[in-house]
N, C-alpha and C. Protein backbone atom coordinates (compact mmCIF):
# COMPACT_ATOMS: atom_id res chain seq x y z
N MET A 1 112.82 88.38 145.97
CA MET A 1 113.96 88.38 145.08
C MET A 1 114.71 89.70 145.26
N ASP A 2 116.02 89.62 145.19
CA ASP A 2 116.87 90.81 145.35
C ASP A 2 116.76 91.71 144.12
N ARG A 3 116.49 92.99 144.31
CA ARG A 3 116.34 93.93 143.20
C ARG A 3 117.63 94.10 142.41
N ASN A 4 118.80 93.91 143.00
CA ASN A 4 120.07 94.06 142.29
C ASN A 4 120.25 93.00 141.21
N VAL A 5 119.61 91.87 141.40
CA VAL A 5 119.70 90.80 140.40
C VAL A 5 119.05 91.25 139.10
N LEU A 6 117.96 92.02 139.18
CA LEU A 6 117.25 92.46 137.99
C LEU A 6 117.97 93.59 137.26
N ASN A 7 118.84 94.31 137.92
CA ASN A 7 119.55 95.43 137.33
C ASN A 7 120.99 95.05 137.02
N LEU A 8 121.19 94.00 136.25
CA LEU A 8 122.53 93.55 135.90
C LEU A 8 123.14 94.47 134.86
N SER A 9 124.41 94.70 134.96
CA SER A 9 125.12 95.59 134.04
C SER A 9 125.22 94.95 132.66
N PRO A 10 124.76 95.64 131.58
CA PRO A 10 124.90 95.10 130.22
C PRO A 10 126.37 94.93 129.81
N GLU A 11 127.27 95.78 130.33
CA GLU A 11 128.69 95.67 130.00
C GLU A 11 129.27 94.36 130.52
N THR A 12 128.78 93.91 131.65
CA THR A 12 129.29 92.69 132.26
C THR A 12 128.55 91.45 131.79
N PHE A 13 127.23 91.53 131.75
CA PHE A 13 126.41 90.35 131.50
C PHE A 13 125.79 90.31 130.11
N GLY A 14 125.95 91.35 129.32
CA GLY A 14 125.34 91.41 127.99
C GLY A 14 123.92 91.95 128.07
N HIS A 15 123.40 92.32 126.91
CA HIS A 15 122.04 92.87 126.86
C HIS A 15 121.02 91.73 126.97
N PRO A 16 119.86 92.01 127.54
CA PRO A 16 118.83 90.97 127.64
C PRO A 16 118.40 90.51 126.26
N LYS A 17 118.12 89.23 126.12
CA LYS A 17 117.72 88.69 124.83
C LYS A 17 116.20 88.68 124.70
N ALA A 18 115.75 88.97 123.50
CA ALA A 18 114.31 88.95 123.22
C ALA A 18 113.86 87.52 123.00
N SER A 19 112.57 87.31 123.01
CA SER A 19 112.04 85.97 122.78
C SER A 19 112.24 85.56 121.33
N VAL A 20 112.12 84.29 121.05
CA VAL A 20 112.32 83.75 119.70
C VAL A 20 111.33 84.38 118.74
N GLY A 21 111.80 84.82 117.58
CA GLY A 21 110.94 85.42 116.57
C GLY A 21 110.69 86.91 116.77
N THR A 22 111.41 87.53 117.70
CA THR A 22 111.26 88.97 117.94
C THR A 22 112.43 89.70 117.30
N TRP A 23 112.13 90.71 116.49
CA TRP A 23 113.15 91.42 115.73
C TRP A 23 113.01 92.92 115.89
N ALA A 24 114.12 93.62 115.63
CA ALA A 24 114.12 95.08 115.55
C ALA A 24 115.13 95.47 114.48
N SER A 25 114.72 96.25 113.49
CA SER A 25 115.60 96.69 112.41
C SER A 25 115.34 98.14 112.08
N ASN A 26 116.36 98.78 111.52
CA ASN A 26 116.27 100.16 111.05
C ASN A 26 116.87 100.24 109.65
N ILE A 27 116.41 101.22 108.89
CA ILE A 27 117.07 101.61 107.65
C ILE A 27 117.71 102.95 107.97
N ARG A 28 119.03 103.02 107.85
CA ARG A 28 119.77 104.19 108.30
C ARG A 28 120.68 104.68 107.19
N ILE A 29 120.63 106.01 106.92
CA ILE A 29 121.58 106.64 106.00
C ILE A 29 122.58 107.41 106.86
N ILE A 30 123.85 107.14 106.61
CA ILE A 30 124.91 107.75 107.40
C ILE A 30 125.77 108.63 106.52
N ASN A 31 126.14 109.80 107.01
CA ASN A 31 127.11 110.66 106.35
C ASN A 31 128.48 110.06 106.65
N PRO A 32 129.19 109.51 105.64
CA PRO A 32 130.44 108.81 105.92
C PRO A 32 131.58 109.72 106.36
N VAL A 33 131.52 110.99 106.00
CA VAL A 33 132.57 111.93 106.38
C VAL A 33 132.48 112.26 107.87
N GLU A 34 131.26 112.57 108.32
CA GLU A 34 131.06 112.96 109.71
C GLU A 34 130.72 111.77 110.61
N GLY A 35 130.32 110.65 110.01
CA GLY A 35 129.94 109.49 110.79
C GLY A 35 128.63 109.67 111.56
N LYS A 36 127.78 110.55 111.07
CA LYS A 36 126.52 110.84 111.74
C LYS A 36 125.34 110.30 110.94
N THR A 37 124.29 109.92 111.65
CA THR A 37 123.06 109.46 111.02
C THR A 37 122.32 110.65 110.41
N VAL A 38 121.98 110.53 109.12
CA VAL A 38 121.25 111.57 108.41
C VAL A 38 119.76 111.27 108.42
N THR A 39 119.40 110.01 108.15
CA THR A 39 118.01 109.58 108.10
C THR A 39 117.89 108.23 108.78
N LEU A 40 116.82 108.03 109.52
CA LEU A 40 116.58 106.77 110.21
C LEU A 40 115.12 106.38 110.07
N PHE A 41 114.87 105.18 109.54
CA PHE A 41 113.53 104.63 109.40
C PHE A 41 113.45 103.35 110.22
N PRO A 42 112.82 103.37 111.38
CA PRO A 42 112.64 102.12 112.13
C PRO A 42 111.56 101.27 111.46
N LEU A 43 111.79 99.97 111.38
CA LEU A 43 110.79 99.05 110.84
C LEU A 43 109.90 98.60 111.99
N ASP A 44 108.60 98.57 111.74
CA ASP A 44 107.66 98.22 112.80
C ASP A 44 107.04 96.85 112.56
N ASN A 45 106.14 96.46 113.43
CA ASN A 45 105.39 95.21 113.32
C ASN A 45 106.29 93.98 113.26
N ASN A 46 107.34 93.98 114.08
CA ASN A 46 108.26 92.84 114.17
C ASN A 46 108.87 92.49 112.81
N GLU A 47 109.18 93.51 112.03
CA GLU A 47 109.75 93.35 110.70
C GLU A 47 111.27 93.48 110.76
N SER A 48 111.97 92.65 110.00
CA SER A 48 113.43 92.67 109.98
C SER A 48 113.94 92.79 108.55
N ALA A 49 115.04 93.51 108.38
CA ALA A 49 115.63 93.70 107.06
C ALA A 49 116.62 92.58 106.78
N PHE A 50 116.57 92.01 105.58
CA PHE A 50 117.45 90.91 105.20
C PHE A 50 118.32 91.21 103.99
N SER A 51 117.89 92.12 103.12
CA SER A 51 118.65 92.38 101.90
C SER A 51 118.40 93.81 101.45
N ILE A 52 119.33 94.30 100.61
CA ILE A 52 119.24 95.69 100.16
C ILE A 52 119.92 95.83 98.80
N ALA A 53 119.40 96.71 97.95
CA ALA A 53 120.01 96.98 96.64
C ALA A 53 119.58 98.36 96.17
N ILE A 54 120.48 99.01 95.44
CA ILE A 54 120.15 100.27 94.77
C ILE A 54 119.90 99.92 93.31
N VAL A 55 118.71 100.24 92.82
CA VAL A 55 118.28 99.79 91.50
C VAL A 55 117.90 100.99 90.63
N PRO A 56 118.53 101.11 89.44
CA PRO A 56 118.09 102.12 88.46
C PRO A 56 116.98 101.51 87.59
N PHE A 57 115.72 101.77 87.90
CA PHE A 57 114.60 101.18 87.16
C PHE A 57 114.45 101.86 85.81
N ALA A 58 114.47 101.05 84.75
CA ALA A 58 114.33 101.57 83.38
C ALA A 58 112.96 102.20 83.18
N ALA A 59 111.93 101.69 83.86
CA ALA A 59 110.58 102.23 83.73
C ALA A 59 110.46 103.64 84.32
N ARG A 60 111.44 104.05 85.09
CA ARG A 60 111.46 105.39 85.69
C ARG A 60 112.69 106.17 85.21
N ASN A 61 113.07 105.99 83.96
CA ASN A 61 114.20 106.69 83.34
C ASN A 61 115.51 106.49 84.11
N ASN A 62 115.73 105.28 84.57
CA ASN A 62 116.94 104.89 85.31
C ASN A 62 117.15 105.69 86.59
N GLU A 63 116.06 106.20 87.17
CA GLU A 63 116.14 106.90 88.45
C GLU A 63 116.48 105.86 89.53
N LEU A 64 117.43 106.20 90.39
CA LEU A 64 117.88 105.27 91.43
C LEU A 64 116.83 105.14 92.54
N HIS A 65 116.58 103.89 92.93
CA HIS A 65 115.69 103.59 94.04
C HIS A 65 116.40 102.62 94.98
N LEU A 66 116.11 102.74 96.26
CA LEU A 66 116.62 101.81 97.25
C LEU A 66 115.54 100.77 97.50
N VAL A 67 115.89 99.50 97.32
CA VAL A 67 114.95 98.41 97.58
C VAL A 67 115.47 97.62 98.78
N VAL A 68 114.63 97.46 99.79
CA VAL A 68 114.99 96.73 100.99
C VAL A 68 114.07 95.53 101.12
N GLY A 69 114.66 94.35 101.24
CA GLY A 69 113.89 93.13 101.44
C GLY A 69 113.71 92.87 102.92
N THR A 70 112.47 92.79 103.36
CA THR A 70 112.18 92.60 104.78
C THR A 70 111.21 91.43 104.95
N ALA A 71 111.09 90.97 106.19
CA ALA A 71 110.12 89.92 106.52
C ALA A 71 109.61 90.16 107.93
N ALA A 72 108.37 89.75 108.17
CA ALA A 72 107.74 89.93 109.48
C ALA A 72 107.63 88.59 110.19
N ASP A 73 107.81 88.62 111.51
CA ASP A 73 107.67 87.43 112.36
C ASP A 73 108.54 86.28 111.87
N THR A 74 109.80 86.57 111.62
CA THR A 74 110.72 85.59 111.05
C THR A 74 111.31 84.68 112.10
N ARG A 75 111.44 83.43 111.74
CA ARG A 75 112.17 82.44 112.55
C ARG A 75 113.27 81.87 111.66
N VAL A 76 114.45 81.71 112.23
CA VAL A 76 115.60 81.26 111.44
C VAL A 76 115.59 79.76 111.24
N ALA A 77 115.33 78.98 112.31
CA ALA A 77 115.34 77.52 112.19
C ALA A 77 114.11 76.96 112.90
N PRO A 78 113.21 76.32 112.20
CA PRO A 78 113.12 76.23 110.74
C PRO A 78 112.73 77.59 110.15
N ARG A 79 113.23 77.85 108.94
CA ARG A 79 113.00 79.16 108.33
C ARG A 79 111.53 79.33 107.98
N MET A 80 110.96 80.42 108.51
CA MET A 80 109.57 80.74 108.21
C MET A 80 109.31 82.20 108.56
N CYS A 81 108.28 82.77 107.96
CA CYS A 81 107.87 84.14 108.28
C CYS A 81 106.39 84.26 107.96
N SER A 82 105.74 85.24 108.57
CA SER A 82 104.32 85.44 108.28
C SER A 82 104.14 86.08 106.91
N SER A 83 105.08 86.97 106.52
CA SER A 83 105.05 87.56 105.18
C SER A 83 106.37 88.29 104.93
N GLY A 84 106.74 88.35 103.67
CA GLY A 84 107.92 89.10 103.25
C GLY A 84 107.46 90.37 102.54
N PHE A 85 108.40 91.31 102.39
CA PHE A 85 108.06 92.58 101.74
C PHE A 85 109.23 93.07 100.91
N LEU A 86 108.92 93.77 99.84
CA LEU A 86 109.90 94.56 99.09
C LEU A 86 109.51 96.01 99.30
N ARG A 87 110.35 96.73 100.04
CA ARG A 87 110.12 98.16 100.31
C ARG A 87 110.93 98.96 99.31
N VAL A 88 110.28 99.84 98.57
CA VAL A 88 110.95 100.66 97.55
C VAL A 88 110.95 102.11 98.03
N TYR A 89 112.16 102.68 98.09
CA TYR A 89 112.33 104.07 98.52
C TYR A 89 112.95 104.88 97.39
N LYS A 90 112.55 106.14 97.30
CA LYS A 90 113.13 107.08 96.34
C LYS A 90 114.06 108.00 97.12
N PHE A 91 115.23 108.28 96.54
CA PHE A 91 116.17 109.21 97.16
C PHE A 91 115.67 110.64 96.92
N VAL A 92 115.52 111.40 97.99
CA VAL A 92 115.05 112.78 97.90
C VAL A 92 115.94 113.66 98.77
N GLY A 93 115.71 114.95 98.71
CA GLY A 93 116.45 115.87 99.57
C GLY A 93 117.79 116.24 98.99
N GLU A 94 118.53 116.95 99.79
CA GLU A 94 119.85 117.44 99.40
C GLU A 94 120.81 116.27 99.20
N GLU A 95 121.31 116.12 97.98
CA GLU A 95 122.25 115.07 97.60
C GLU A 95 121.71 113.67 97.91
N GLY A 96 120.39 113.48 97.88
CA GLY A 96 119.80 112.17 98.12
C GLY A 96 119.98 111.67 99.53
N ALA A 97 120.05 112.57 100.49
CA ALA A 97 120.31 112.19 101.88
C ALA A 97 119.05 111.75 102.62
N ALA A 98 117.89 111.82 101.98
CA ALA A 98 116.65 111.40 102.63
C ALA A 98 115.95 110.37 101.74
N LEU A 99 115.04 109.64 102.34
CA LEU A 99 114.30 108.61 101.62
C LEU A 99 112.80 108.89 101.71
N GLU A 100 112.10 108.51 100.64
CA GLU A 100 110.65 108.61 100.62
C GLU A 100 110.12 107.25 100.19
N LEU A 101 109.24 106.66 101.00
CA LEU A 101 108.68 105.35 100.67
C LEU A 101 107.77 105.47 99.45
N VAL A 102 108.09 104.71 98.40
CA VAL A 102 107.27 104.71 97.19
C VAL A 102 106.14 103.71 97.37
N HIS A 103 106.47 102.47 97.72
CA HIS A 103 105.48 101.47 98.07
C HIS A 103 106.12 100.27 98.75
N LYS A 104 105.27 99.46 99.35
CA LYS A 104 105.67 98.26 100.08
C LYS A 104 104.86 97.11 99.51
N THR A 105 105.54 96.16 98.86
CA THR A 105 104.88 95.05 98.20
C THR A 105 105.02 93.79 99.03
N GLU A 106 103.91 93.14 99.33
CA GLU A 106 103.95 91.90 100.10
C GLU A 106 104.30 90.73 99.18
N ILE A 107 105.20 89.86 99.65
CA ILE A 107 105.58 88.64 98.93
C ILE A 107 105.44 87.46 99.89
N ASP A 108 105.63 86.25 99.38
CA ASP A 108 105.30 85.07 100.16
C ASP A 108 106.42 84.48 101.01
N ASP A 109 107.65 85.00 100.93
CA ASP A 109 108.75 84.44 101.71
C ASP A 109 109.80 85.52 101.96
N VAL A 110 110.87 85.14 102.64
CA VAL A 110 111.93 86.08 102.98
C VAL A 110 112.76 86.41 101.73
N PRO A 111 112.91 87.68 101.37
CA PRO A 111 113.78 88.05 100.24
C PRO A 111 115.23 88.13 100.72
N LEU A 112 115.99 87.07 100.50
CA LEU A 112 117.35 86.98 101.03
C LEU A 112 118.40 87.61 100.13
N ALA A 113 118.09 87.85 98.86
CA ALA A 113 119.07 88.45 97.96
C ALA A 113 118.37 89.37 96.97
N LEU A 114 118.95 90.58 96.77
CA LEU A 114 118.42 91.55 95.81
C LEU A 114 119.56 92.06 94.95
N LEU A 115 119.29 92.31 93.66
CA LEU A 115 120.32 92.78 92.74
C LEU A 115 119.67 93.53 91.58
N ALA A 116 120.27 94.64 91.18
CA ALA A 116 119.82 95.36 89.99
C ALA A 116 120.24 94.56 88.76
N PHE A 117 119.32 94.42 87.78
CA PHE A 117 119.60 93.65 86.58
C PHE A 117 118.83 94.22 85.40
N GLN A 118 119.53 94.83 84.46
CA GLN A 118 118.96 95.34 83.22
C GLN A 118 117.72 96.21 83.46
N GLY A 119 117.83 97.15 84.38
CA GLY A 119 116.74 98.08 84.63
C GLY A 119 115.60 97.52 85.45
N ARG A 120 115.80 96.35 86.03
CA ARG A 120 114.80 95.71 86.88
C ARG A 120 115.47 95.18 88.15
N LEU A 121 114.70 94.49 88.97
CA LEU A 121 115.20 93.93 90.22
C LEU A 121 115.15 92.41 90.16
N VAL A 122 116.26 91.77 90.50
CA VAL A 122 116.28 90.31 90.66
C VAL A 122 116.24 90.05 92.16
N ALA A 123 115.33 89.15 92.56
CA ALA A 123 115.17 88.85 93.98
C ALA A 123 115.18 87.34 94.21
N GLY A 124 115.98 86.92 95.18
CA GLY A 124 115.95 85.54 95.64
C GLY A 124 114.95 85.47 96.78
N VAL A 125 113.78 84.90 96.52
CA VAL A 125 112.70 84.85 97.49
C VAL A 125 112.44 83.39 97.84
N GLY A 126 112.86 82.98 99.04
CA GLY A 126 112.74 81.57 99.40
C GLY A 126 113.58 80.74 98.45
N LYS A 127 112.97 79.78 97.78
CA LYS A 127 113.69 78.92 96.82
C LYS A 127 113.49 79.38 95.38
N ALA A 128 112.86 80.52 95.17
CA ALA A 128 112.58 81.02 93.82
C ALA A 128 113.48 82.21 93.49
N LEU A 129 113.78 82.34 92.21
CA LEU A 129 114.49 83.50 91.68
C LEU A 129 113.50 84.27 90.82
N ARG A 130 113.29 85.55 91.14
CA ARG A 130 112.26 86.33 90.46
C ARG A 130 112.84 87.63 89.92
N ILE A 131 112.22 88.13 88.85
CA ILE A 131 112.53 89.45 88.31
C ILE A 131 111.29 90.32 88.51
N TYR A 132 111.50 91.49 89.13
CA TYR A 132 110.42 92.44 89.39
C TYR A 132 110.70 93.73 88.63
N ASP A 133 109.62 94.41 88.25
CA ASP A 133 109.71 95.75 87.70
C ASP A 133 108.88 96.67 88.59
N ILE A 134 109.18 97.94 88.55
CA ILE A 134 108.48 98.88 89.41
C ILE A 134 107.15 99.28 88.77
N GLY A 135 106.10 99.31 89.58
CA GLY A 135 104.79 99.75 89.13
C GLY A 135 104.37 101.00 89.88
N LYS A 136 103.15 101.44 89.65
CA LYS A 136 102.67 102.65 90.32
C LYS A 136 102.30 102.38 91.78
N LYS A 137 101.75 101.19 92.07
CA LYS A 137 101.29 100.89 93.42
C LYS A 137 102.08 99.78 94.10
N LYS A 138 102.79 98.95 93.33
CA LYS A 138 103.56 97.87 93.91
C LYS A 138 104.57 97.34 92.89
N MET A 139 105.45 96.46 93.36
CA MET A 139 106.40 95.81 92.46
C MET A 139 105.65 94.75 91.65
N LEU A 140 105.98 94.63 90.37
CA LEU A 140 105.30 93.72 89.47
C LEU A 140 106.21 92.54 89.15
N ARG A 141 105.77 91.33 89.47
CA ARG A 141 106.55 90.13 89.18
C ARG A 141 106.46 89.83 87.69
N LYS A 142 107.61 89.79 87.02
CA LYS A 142 107.64 89.55 85.59
C LYS A 142 108.02 88.10 85.25
N VAL A 143 109.01 87.56 85.97
CA VAL A 143 109.52 86.21 85.67
C VAL A 143 109.80 85.51 87.00
N GLU A 144 109.61 84.18 87.01
CA GLU A 144 109.94 83.41 88.20
C GLU A 144 110.52 82.06 87.78
N ASN A 145 111.57 81.62 88.47
CA ASN A 145 112.18 80.33 88.24
C ASN A 145 112.21 79.59 89.57
N LYS A 146 111.51 78.45 89.64
CA LYS A 146 111.43 77.69 90.89
C LYS A 146 112.30 76.44 90.87
N VAL A 147 113.12 76.23 89.85
CA VAL A 147 113.95 75.04 89.76
C VAL A 147 114.96 75.05 90.90
N CYS A 148 115.00 73.96 91.66
CA CYS A 148 115.92 73.87 92.80
C CYS A 148 116.99 72.84 92.55
């Protein structure tokens, strides 16, 4: 086989595609004035980010936290994943420009929607709508509605 065939230009032919169910995601904080990356957290173990929300948790005196909904080994059609996660980060550093992982809570499906609601987190997880509160070691499920 000709070696030039293997070294195709990405500008002309596009980037090589990964196999089905292979993902790469990052959580990135950008300085909007300078357009530079301040903090970068790569997600590992074939985990992909699907949703994000900034939540002032009442249990922590309305301190702002970043909640990122992720899933591992995700397939889009048919939709499935090995496990979903709610990653909770605390803003630290100068002007909140850095993140510190508070905890990572495993859930049973992809968290496709996140929203702050009355000092808690509302999450659309699969076909369920859930309300979570922040705990010391993980997110605590308070309410769930499975009506479809």
